[in-house]
Amino acid sequence: AHMDCDAFYASVEKRDNPELRDHPVIVGGGQRGVVSTCCYIARIHGVRSAMPMFQAMKLCPQAVVVKPRFAAYVEASRAIRAMMEVLTPAIEPLSLDEAFLDLTGTARLHGAPPAVLLAGLVRRMETELGLSGSVGLSHNKFLAKIASDLDKPRGFSVIGRAETEAFLRPKPVRIIWGVGTATQTALEKAGIRTIDDLLGWEKADLSARFGSMGERLWHLARGLDMR
């Protein structure tokens, strides 16, 4: 599973200051700083993480800007981690607000399938901490992370082994974790825009053209991730 909190810093700020609930909130620095994160109301106006503050304020001049309170975010993160540890000891945090959880074998331990356990996790997060998260469940890390981002906020998506190929084929190559602008441009020059395009290439040809990234792309296009 992959669990990713929804607009984590902004959500903590709104929880701790209910007056902010219905306002666009940007967590970040001054005019020369950048957006650490923003709530979904601000995102509707085009504000994004890592955007320069001056640009964010042009897009959403009515936003409330809040300076980061990292101690509060760490405290909330630890509370979420404790809830995860009730489900499984196999947790790999990626940041304060997201983590992979290996739930293999936990159905017998808890008497419920992983999807039910994850639904319970996000319910606990909302009722006990006042924070929401999105969950992706699949048979490997690559697909679990994709799944968690499919329907944010409060998303819950499952990509089963049987539907993996049909799900991936029409998707753009940028859905692959680690394919940034430069890699996407290089792939497009080779005529590769979708996962289906990637599936038409032999592993050796991808490796020859793109090095170690080529072999990685060959595997992920097939939904194969042994991490």
Protein backbone atom coordinates (compact mmCIF):
# COMPACT_ATOMS: atom_id res chain seq x y z
CA ALA A 1 0.00 0.00 0.00
CA HIS A 2 0.95 3.64 -0.41
CA MET A 3 -0.68 6.21 1.91
CA ASP A 4 -0.29 9.87 1.07
CA CYS A 5 -1.78 12.58 3.29
CA ASP A 6 -3.87 15.20 1.51
CA ALA A 7 -2.18 18.65 1.43
CA PHE A 8 -0.55 17.68 4.73
CA TYR A 9 0.96 20.95 6.01
CA ALA A 10 -2.09 22.97 4.97
CA SER A 11 -4.41 20.38 6.50
CA VAL A 12 -2.59 20.58 9.84
CA GLU A 13 -2.89 24.37 9.74
CA LYS A 14 -6.63 24.22 9.01
CA ARG A 15 -7.16 21.65 11.75
CA ASP A 16 -5.33 23.78 14.32
CA ASN A 17 -7.02 27.01 13.21
CA PRO A 18 -10.64 26.29 12.18
CA GLU A 19 -11.04 29.90 10.96
CA LEU A 20 -8.92 28.89 7.95
CA ARG A 21 -11.21 26.02 6.94
CA ASP A 22 -13.02 27.71 4.04
CA HIS A 23 -10.10 29.86 2.87
CA PRO A 24 -7.32 29.11 0.36
CA VAL A 25 -4.23 28.43 2.47
CA ILE A 26 -0.62 28.53 1.32
CA VAL A 27 2.15 27.27 3.58
CA GLY A 28 5.41 28.93 2.62
CA GLY A 29 7.87 31.81 2.92
CA GLY A 30 7.81 35.48 2.02
CA GLN A 31 7.70 37.09 -1.41
CA ARG A 32 11.06 35.56 -2.35
CA GLY A 33 10.19 32.15 -0.94
CA VAL A 34 8.36 29.21 -2.45
CA VAL A 35 5.15 27.34 -1.72
CA SER A 36 5.79 24.40 0.62
CA THR A 37 2.26 23.16 0.08
CA CYS A 38 -1.23 24.54 -0.34
CA CYS A 39 -4.78 23.40 0.30
CA TYR A 40 -7.06 22.16 -2.47
CA ILE A 41 -8.96 25.45 -2.60
CA ALA A 42 -5.71 27.20 -3.54
CA ARG A 43 -4.93 24.48 -6.07
CA ILE A 44 -8.16 25.25 -7.90
CA HIS A 45 -6.62 28.67 -8.62
CA GLY A 46 -3.48 27.04 -10.06
CA VAL A 47 -1.18 27.22 -7.01
CA ARG A 48 1.27 24.31 -6.74
CA SER A 49 4.02 23.15 -4.42
CA ALA A 50 7.50 24.60 -5.16
CA MET A 51 5.93 27.54 -7.02
CA PRO A 52 7.50 30.96 -6.26
CA MET A 53 5.38 32.82 -3.71
CA PHE A 54 5.00 35.92 -5.89
CA GLN A 55 3.52 33.78 -8.65
CA ALA A 56 1.21 31.98 -6.23
CA MET A 57 -0.10 35.28 -4.86
CA LYS A 58 -0.80 36.55 -8.37
CA LEU A 59 -2.87 33.43 -9.05
CA CYS A 60 -4.65 33.51 -5.69
CA PRO A 61 -4.36 36.97 -4.07
CA GLN A 62 -7.00 36.12 -1.46
CA ALA A 63 -4.92 33.26 -0.05
CA VAL A 64 -3.92 33.17 3.60
CA VAL A 65 -0.15 32.60 3.83
CA VAL A 66 1.05 30.66 6.85
CA LYS A 67 4.68 30.10 7.85
CA PRO A 68 5.60 26.42 8.22
CA ARG A 69 5.38 24.91 11.73
CA PHE A 70 7.51 21.82 11.33
CA ALA A 71 7.17 20.71 14.96
CA ALA A 72 3.41 20.40 14.46
CA TYR A 73 3.87 18.45 11.22
CA VAL A 74 6.36 16.06 12.83
CA GLU A 75 3.97 15.46 15.75
CA ALA A 76 1.11 14.65 13.37
CA SER A 77 3.38 12.43 11.27
CA ARG A 78 4.43 10.42 14.34
CA ALA A 79 0.80 9.91 15.33
CA ILE A 80 -0.01 8.58 11.84
CA ARG A 81 3.05 6.33 11.94
CA ALA A 82 1.85 4.84 15.24
CA MET A 83 -1.48 4.00 13.59
CA MET A 84 0.34 2.34 10.70
CA GLU A 85 2.42 0.24 13.08
CA VAL A 86 -0.76 -1.33 14.43
CA LEU A 87 -1.29 -2.80 10.94
CA THR A 88 2.24 -3.85 9.98
CA PRO A 89 5.86 -3.45 11.12
CA ALA A 90 6.96 -3.21 7.47
CA ILE A 91 6.69 0.54 6.86
CA GLU A 92 8.89 2.66 4.58
CA PRO A 93 8.34 6.39 5.10
CA LEU A 94 9.09 8.55 2.06
CA SER A 95 8.50 11.85 3.85
CA LEU A 96 6.50 13.16 6.81
CA ASP A 97 3.24 12.66 4.96
CA GLU A 98 3.60 9.49 2.89
CA ALA A 99 4.76 5.91 3.31
CA PHE A 100 4.67 2.45 1.82
CA LEU A 101 3.17 -0.33 3.93
CA ASP A 102 3.74 -4.02 3.18
CA LEU A 103 0.52 -5.74 4.22
CA THR A 104 1.48 -9.20 2.99
CA GLY A 105 0.21 -11.79 5.46
CA THR A 106 -1.73 -9.30 7.60
CA ALA A 107 -5.20 -10.58 6.61
CA ARG A 108 -4.76 -13.65 8.79
CA LEU A 109 -3.24 -11.60 11.61
CA HIS A 110 -6.04 -9.02 11.73
CA GLY A 111 -8.92 -11.10 10.39
CA ALA A 112 -9.57 -8.65 7.55
CA PRO A 113 -8.16 -8.04 4.05
CA PRO A 114 -5.70 -5.18 3.42
CA ALA A 115 -8.32 -2.93 1.82
CA VAL A 116 -10.43 -3.06 4.99
CA LEU A 117 -7.39 -2.37 7.17
CA LEU A 118 -6.47 0.67 5.07
CA ALA A 119 -10.02 2.02 5.19
CA GLY A 120 -9.78 1.74 8.97
CA LEU A 121 -6.46 3.59 8.95
CA VAL A 122 -7.75 6.62 7.06
CA ARG A 123 -10.92 6.63 9.17
CA ARG A 124 -8.80 6.74 12.34
CA MET A 125 -6.70 9.53 10.87
CA GLU A 126 -9.82 11.62 10.24
CA THR A 127 -11.63 10.94 13.51
CA GLU A 128 -8.64 11.03 15.89
CA LEU A 129 -6.27 13.46 14.15
CA GLY A 130 -8.55 15.51 11.90
CA LEU A 131 -6.39 14.71 8.85
CA SER A 132 -7.24 12.94 5.62
CA GLY A 133 -5.18 10.73 3.36
CA SER A 134 -5.38 8.93 0.03
CA VAL A 135 -4.58 5.25 -0.31
CA GLY A 136 -3.34 3.11 -3.17
CA LEU A 137 -3.28 -0.67 -2.94
CA SER A 138 -1.64 -2.99 -5.45
CA HIS A 139 0.82 -5.85 -5.84
CA ASN A 140 3.96 -3.65 -5.90
CA LYS A 141 5.26 -0.21 -4.92
CA PHE A 142 5.13 1.32 -8.39
CA LEU A 143 1.44 0.62 -8.84
CA ALA A 144 0.49 1.37 -5.23
CA LYS A 145 1.95 4.88 -5.54
CA ILE A 146 0.15 5.48 -8.83
CA ALA A 147 -3.10 4.25 -7.27
CA SER A 148 -2.88 6.61 -4.29
CA ASP A 149 -2.75 9.60 -6.64
CA LEU A 150 -5.70 8.61 -8.86
CA ASP A 151 -8.52 10.21 -6.90
CA LYS A 152 -7.08 12.69 -4.37
CA PRO A 153 -8.16 13.98 -1.92
CA ARG A 154 -9.61 11.15 0.18
CA GLY A 155 -8.89 8.74 -2.66
CA PHE A 156 -8.97 4.96 -2.32
CA SER A 157 -7.89 3.01 -5.39
CA VAL A 158 -6.92 -0.61 -6.01
CA ILE A 159 -5.00 -1.87 -9.04
CA GLY A 160 -5.30 -5.66 -9.15
CA ARG A 161 -2.77 -7.94 -10.80
CA ALA A 162 -5.26 -9.06 -13.47
CA GLU A 163 -6.10 -5.51 -14.63
CA THR A 164 -2.55 -4.14 -14.50
CA GLU A 165 -1.84 -4.34 -18.24
CA ALA A 166 -5.18 -2.85 -19.30
CA PHE A 167 -4.79 -0.06 -16.75
CA LEU A 168 -1.26 0.88 -17.81
CA ARG A 169 -1.43 0.63 -21.61
CA PRO A 170 -3.15 3.97 -22.40
CA LYS A 171 -1.36 5.97 -19.69
CA PRO A 172 1.23 8.63 -20.62
CA VAL A 173 4.84 7.76 -19.81
CA ARG A 174 4.99 10.61 -17.28
CA ILE A 175 2.89 8.45 -14.93
CA ILE A 176 6.08 6.47 -14.29
CA TRP A 177 7.75 7.57 -11.08
CA GLY A 178 11.04 9.26 -11.96
CA VAL A 179 10.12 10.30 -15.49
CA GLY A 180 10.58 14.05 -15.34
CA THR A 181 10.50 16.66 -18.08
CA ALA A 182 13.93 15.79 -19.50
CA THR A 183 13.25 12.04 -19.67
CA GLN A 184 9.78 12.61 -21.10
CA THR A 185 11.26 14.81 -23.85
CA ALA A 186 13.87 12.16 -24.68
CA LEU A 187 11.20 9.47 -24.83
CA GLU A 188 8.98 11.57 -27.09
CA LYS A 189 11.90 12.05 -29.48
CA ALA A 190 11.98 8.26 -29.75
CA GLY A 191 8.23 8.20 -30.45
CA ILE A 192 7.34 7.00 -26.96
CA ARG A 193 4.42 8.89 -25.45
CA THR A 194 2.37 6.18 -23.77
CA ILE A 195 3.01 2.94 -21.91
CA ASP A 196 1.65 1.16 -24.98
CA ASP A 197 4.45 2.74 -27.03
CA LEU A 198 6.99 1.45 -24.51
CA LEU A 199 5.62 -2.07 -24.80
CA GLY A 200 6.62 -2.10 -28.46
CA TRP A 201 10.32 -1.84 -27.61
CA GLU A 202 12.67 -4.71 -26.79
CA LYS A 203 14.51 -4.48 -23.48
CA ALA A 204 17.91 -4.43 -25.21
CA ASP A 205 16.89 -1.55 -27.47
CA LEU A 206 15.58 0.53 -24.56
CA SER A 207 18.77 -0.15 -22.60
CA ALA A 208 20.95 0.79 -25.56
CA ARG A 209 19.13 4.09 -26.01
CA PHE A 210 18.37 5.09 -22.41
CA GLY A 211 20.87 3.11 -20.31
CA SER A 212 19.76 1.79 -16.93
CA MET A 213 16.59 3.91 -17.17
CA GLY A 214 15.66 1.95 -20.30
CA GLU A 215 15.68 -1.38 -18.47
CA ARG A 216 13.68 0.15 -15.63
CA LEU A 217 11.10 1.48 -18.09
CA TRP A 218 10.78 -1.93 -19.74
CA HIS A 219 9.88 -3.53 -16.41
CA LEU A 220 7.55 -0.81 -15.14
CA ALA A 221 5.64 -0.67 -18.42
CA ARG A 222 4.70 -4.28 -17.67
CA GLY A 223 3.80 -3.52 -14.08
CA LEU A 224 6.91 -5.30 -12.80
CA ASP A 225 8.60 -3.84 -9.72
CA MET A 226 10.70 -6.08 -7.48
CA ARG A 227 11.58 -3.45 -4.89
